[in-house]
Amino acid sequence: MLFDPEVWQITSLSLQVSAIATGISLLIGLPFGTWLALGDFRGRSVILSIINTGMALPPVVVGLVVAMTLWRSGPLGDFRLIYTPVAIIIAQTVISAPVVTGLTAAALEALDPRLQQQLLGLGASRGQMVWYLWREARLPLLAALMAGFGSVISEVGASMMVGGNIRGQTRVLTTAIVLETSKGQFDTALALSALLLVITYLINLALTWIQQRARKGEHQSASRN
């Protein structure tokens, strides 16, 4: 299997769509979660409860809603995105964005609330304050990134519904595993599953190494002080 070009094409597509979806989720979730954590406005608790509910959103429900939106009879049907990698990215972003947003808000809310006032009192602009708070919460923010990536790399329901599992176009590792299982090719399905687990482990290992290195740097800095 390791020398099969189709396996590498499927693996490459899986990594591409999941990485792009996670990146978009980070661009959405980091500022939105920051706004929710630092804001004090009416309806904030309602929005947070919606985000928290979205963190447990069933992927098949996301796939159904996105598919209905992208079908030719749907509001975005003229773009002809259904059964394309872009459709998978959209569905995975909808799944991952609430995870990143909710964990970002929780990470920043866990910081000492007096820290904001101290930074502003020292003359920091709001942008500088937010940047410093991100640095202070970088360890849980990395955990949010890992959780967002993990929620999409292993997702199958939405990807199959909006992507169609088309060979050479939208077939990713998870949908390929389902296909091989339905055909009774359990050895191939197990091999693809092992490949998916190895890839997921290596990516999370790299992110965990970065997280632990940052934590070690904090401890060394604290010991010097």
Protein backbone atom coordinates (compact mmCIF):
# COMPACT_ATOMS: atom_id res chain seq x y z
CA MET A 1 0.00 0.00 0.00
CA LEU A 2 2.84 2.41 0.74
CA PHE A 3 3.85 2.25 -2.92
CA ASP A 4 0.31 2.75 -4.23
CA PRO A 5 -0.03 6.24 -5.81
CA GLU A 6 -3.76 6.29 -5.05
CA VAL A 7 -3.09 5.86 -1.32
CA TRP A 8 -0.71 8.81 -1.35
CA GLN A 9 -3.22 10.90 -3.31
CA ILE A 10 -5.94 10.09 -0.76
CA THR A 11 -3.57 10.83 2.14
CA SER A 12 -2.44 14.11 0.59
CA LEU A 13 -6.03 15.25 0.03
CA SER A 14 -6.95 14.31 3.60
CA LEU A 15 -4.12 16.41 5.00
CA GLN A 16 -4.82 19.32 2.67
CA VAL A 17 -8.53 19.68 3.41
CA SER A 18 -8.08 19.14 7.16
CA ALA A 19 -5.19 21.59 7.39
CA ILE A 20 -7.06 24.27 5.44
CA ALA A 21 -10.24 23.74 7.48
CA THR A 22 -8.25 23.94 10.73
CA GLY A 23 -6.47 27.08 9.54
CA ILE A 24 -9.74 28.79 8.63
CA SER A 25 -11.22 27.71 11.97
CA LEU A 26 -8.25 29.29 13.72
CA LEU A 27 -8.72 32.54 11.80
CA ILE A 28 -12.38 32.55 12.83
CA GLY A 29 -12.18 31.05 16.30
CA LEU A 30 -9.21 32.94 17.74
CA PRO A 31 -10.61 36.48 17.33
CA PHE A 32 -14.21 35.43 17.96
CA GLY A 33 -13.28 33.48 21.09
CA THR A 34 -11.18 36.44 22.26
CA TRP A 35 -14.12 38.80 21.75
CA LEU A 36 -16.38 36.51 23.77
CA ALA A 37 -13.82 36.10 26.56
CA LEU A 38 -13.03 39.79 26.95
CA GLY A 39 -16.42 41.26 26.08
CA ASP A 40 -19.12 42.24 28.52
CA PHE A 41 -22.38 42.67 26.66
CA ARG A 42 -25.97 41.53 26.72
CA GLY A 43 -26.49 38.11 25.16
CA ARG A 44 -22.92 36.97 25.75
CA SER A 45 -24.00 33.90 27.72
CA VAL A 46 -26.45 32.96 24.97
CA ILE A 47 -23.72 33.13 22.32
CA LEU A 48 -21.37 31.10 24.50
CA SER A 49 -24.03 28.44 25.00
CA ILE A 50 -24.53 28.26 21.23
CA ILE A 51 -20.77 27.89 20.71
CA ASN A 52 -20.59 25.18 23.36
CA THR A 53 -23.47 23.37 21.70
CA GLY A 54 -21.65 23.66 18.37
CA MET A 55 -18.64 21.91 19.89
CA ALA A 56 -20.77 18.75 20.09
CA LEU A 57 -22.52 19.23 16.75
CA PRO A 58 -23.06 15.85 15.00
CA PRO A 59 -21.00 15.78 11.77
CA VAL A 60 -23.84 14.17 9.82
CA VAL A 61 -26.08 17.11 10.70
CA VAL A 62 -23.39 19.50 9.48
CA GLY A 63 -23.02 17.44 6.31
CA LEU A 64 -26.77 17.54 5.66
CA VAL A 65 -27.04 21.31 6.15
CA VAL A 66 -23.96 22.07 4.05
CA ALA A 67 -25.10 19.66 1.32
CA MET A 68 -28.55 21.28 1.16
CA THR A 69 -26.87 24.68 0.94
CA LEU A 70 -24.56 23.61 -1.89
CA TRP A 71 -27.01 21.53 -3.93
CA ARG A 72 -28.06 23.06 -7.23
CA SER A 73 -31.43 23.96 -5.72
CA GLY A 74 -29.73 25.48 -2.65
CA PRO A 75 -28.77 29.11 -2.06
CA LEU A 76 -25.15 28.46 -3.10
CA GLY A 77 -25.93 25.96 -5.83
CA ASP A 78 -24.77 28.28 -8.63
CA PHE A 79 -21.18 27.95 -7.40
CA ARG A 80 -21.28 24.16 -8.08
CA LEU A 81 -19.23 23.32 -5.01
CA ILE A 82 -21.04 20.13 -4.04
CA TYR A 83 -18.90 16.98 -4.38
CA THR A 84 -15.67 18.96 -4.48
CA PRO A 85 -12.81 19.30 -1.96
CA VAL A 86 -14.02 22.83 -1.24
CA ALA A 87 -17.33 21.40 0.02
CA ILE A 88 -15.43 19.13 2.41
CA ILE A 89 -13.40 22.10 3.66
CA ILE A 90 -16.59 24.07 4.30
CA ALA A 91 -18.18 21.22 6.24
CA GLN A 92 -15.04 20.57 8.27
CA THR A 93 -14.69 24.27 9.05
CA VAL A 94 -18.24 24.34 10.41
CA ILE A 95 -17.31 21.39 12.65
CA SER A 96 -13.95 22.74 13.81
CA ALA A 97 -14.66 26.46 14.25
CA PRO A 98 -16.91 26.10 17.34
CA VAL A 99 -14.27 23.88 18.97
CA VAL A 100 -11.50 26.44 18.46
CA THR A 101 -13.78 29.33 19.46
CA GLY A 102 -15.04 27.69 22.64
CA LEU A 103 -11.61 26.55 23.82
CA THR A 104 -10.10 29.96 23.03
CA ALA A 105 -12.75 31.70 25.10
CA ALA A 106 -12.23 29.25 27.97
CA ALA A 107 -8.44 29.68 27.84
CA LEU A 108 -8.61 33.47 28.03
CA GLU A 109 -11.31 33.47 30.70
CA ALA A 110 -9.01 31.35 32.88
CA LEU A 111 -6.42 34.16 33.00
CA ASP A 112 -6.36 36.59 35.90
CA PRO A 113 -8.93 39.30 35.02
CA ARG A 114 -6.69 41.93 36.66
CA LEU A 115 -4.09 41.31 33.96
CA GLN A 116 -6.12 43.26 31.40
CA GLN A 117 -6.37 46.28 33.67
CA GLN A 118 -2.65 46.16 34.45
CA LEU A 119 -1.70 46.06 30.77
CA LEU A 120 -4.03 48.92 29.89
CA GLY A 121 -2.77 50.87 32.90
CA LEU A 122 0.79 50.48 31.65
CA GLY A 123 -0.20 52.14 28.39
CA ALA A 124 -0.72 49.11 26.17
CA SER A 125 -3.17 49.47 23.31
CA ARG A 126 -6.06 47.03 23.05
CA GLY A 127 -4.27 45.18 20.26
CA GLN A 128 -1.10 44.88 22.35
CA MET A 129 -3.14 43.70 25.31
CA VAL A 130 -4.81 40.97 23.25
CA TRP A 131 -1.45 39.85 21.85
CA TYR A 132 0.01 39.58 25.35
CA LEU A 133 -3.03 37.62 26.57
CA TRP A 134 -2.61 35.22 23.64
CA ARG A 135 1.02 34.73 24.65
CA GLU A 136 0.02 34.07 28.24
CA ALA A 137 -2.58 31.51 27.14
CA ARG A 138 -0.52 29.97 24.34
CA LEU A 139 -0.45 26.50 25.92
CA PRO A 140 -4.24 26.04 26.08
CA LEU A 141 -4.51 27.77 22.69
CA LEU A 142 -2.25 25.09 21.24
CA ALA A 143 -4.57 22.54 22.82
CA ALA A 144 -7.46 24.26 21.06
CA LEU A 145 -5.59 23.92 17.76
CA MET A 146 -5.00 20.21 18.39
CA ALA A 147 -8.65 19.68 19.29
CA GLY A 148 -9.79 21.52 16.16
CA PHE A 149 -7.54 19.44 13.92
CA GLY A 150 -8.54 16.22 15.64
CA SER A 151 -12.22 16.97 15.11
CA VAL A 152 -11.82 17.10 11.31
CA ILE A 153 -9.01 14.68 10.38
CA SER A 154 -11.07 11.77 11.74
CA GLU A 155 -14.45 13.01 10.49
CA VAL A 156 -16.30 10.84 7.94
CA GLY A 157 -20.05 11.57 7.87
CA ALA A 158 -19.99 15.15 6.61
CA SER A 159 -17.10 14.49 4.22
CA MET A 160 -19.00 11.66 2.55
CA MET A 161 -22.25 13.63 2.33
CA VAL A 162 -20.78 16.75 0.74
CA GLY A 163 -17.82 15.16 -1.05
CA GLY A 164 -19.44 12.04 -2.43
CA ASN A 165 -16.31 9.88 -1.94
CA ILE A 166 -15.37 10.24 -5.62
CA ARG A 167 -12.22 8.37 -6.56
CA GLY A 168 -9.35 10.68 -7.45
CA GLN A 169 -11.33 13.80 -6.53
CA THR A 170 -12.91 13.82 -3.08
CA ARG A 171 -11.95 10.49 -1.52
CA VAL A 172 -10.13 10.97 1.78
CA LEU A 173 -8.78 8.44 4.26
CA THR A 174 -11.90 8.20 6.40
CA THR A 175 -14.29 7.75 3.46
CA ALA A 176 -11.87 5.27 1.85
CA ILE A 177 -11.95 3.22 5.06
CA VAL A 178 -15.76 3.14 4.99
CA LEU A 179 -15.72 2.11 1.32
CA GLU A 180 -13.24 -0.74 1.83
CA THR A 181 -15.21 -1.95 4.85
CA SER A 182 -18.45 -2.01 2.84
CA LYS A 183 -16.67 -4.06 0.15
CA GLY A 184 -15.46 -6.57 2.73
CA GLN A 185 -11.81 -5.59 2.22
CA PHE A 186 -11.08 -5.50 5.92
CA ASP A 187 -7.31 -5.86 5.52
CA THR A 188 -7.18 -2.74 3.34
CA ALA A 189 -9.53 -0.89 5.71
CA LEU A 190 -7.33 -1.79 8.68
CA ALA A 191 -4.20 -0.68 6.82
CA LEU A 192 -5.77 2.67 5.95
CA SER A 193 -6.94 3.04 9.55
CA ALA A 194 -3.41 2.41 10.79
CA LEU A 195 -2.09 5.01 8.34
CA LEU A 196 -4.64 7.56 9.57
CA LEU A 197 -3.73 6.87 13.20
CA VAL A 198 -0.01 7.23 12.50
CA ILE A 199 -0.49 10.54 10.67
CA THR A 200 -2.76 11.92 13.41
CA TYR A 201 -0.31 10.80 16.09
CA LEU A 202 2.71 12.38 14.37
CA ILE A 203 0.95 15.72 13.89
CA ASN A 204 -0.28 15.82 17.48
CA LEU A 205 3.16 14.71 18.66
CA ALA A 206 4.71 17.71 16.93
CA LEU A 207 2.14 20.10 18.41
CA THR A 208 2.54 18.54 21.86
CA TRP A 209 6.33 18.92 21.60
CA ILE A 210 5.87 22.62 20.83
CA GLN A 211 3.46 22.94 23.75
CA GLN A 212 5.78 21.19 26.22
CA ARG A 213 8.78 23.17 25.01
CA ALA A 214 6.88 26.40 25.66
CA ARG A 215 5.91 25.16 29.12
CA LYS A 216 9.51 24.25 29.88
CA GLY A 217 10.59 27.73 28.81
CA GLU A 218 8.04 29.25 31.20
CA HIS A 219 9.35 27.16 34.10
CA GLN A 220 12.96 28.13 33.36
CA SER A 221 12.02 31.80 33.17
CA ALA A 222 10.13 31.57 36.46
CA SER A 223 13.06 29.85 38.18
CA ARG A 224 15.44 32.61 37.08
CA ASN A 225 13.11 35.25 38.48
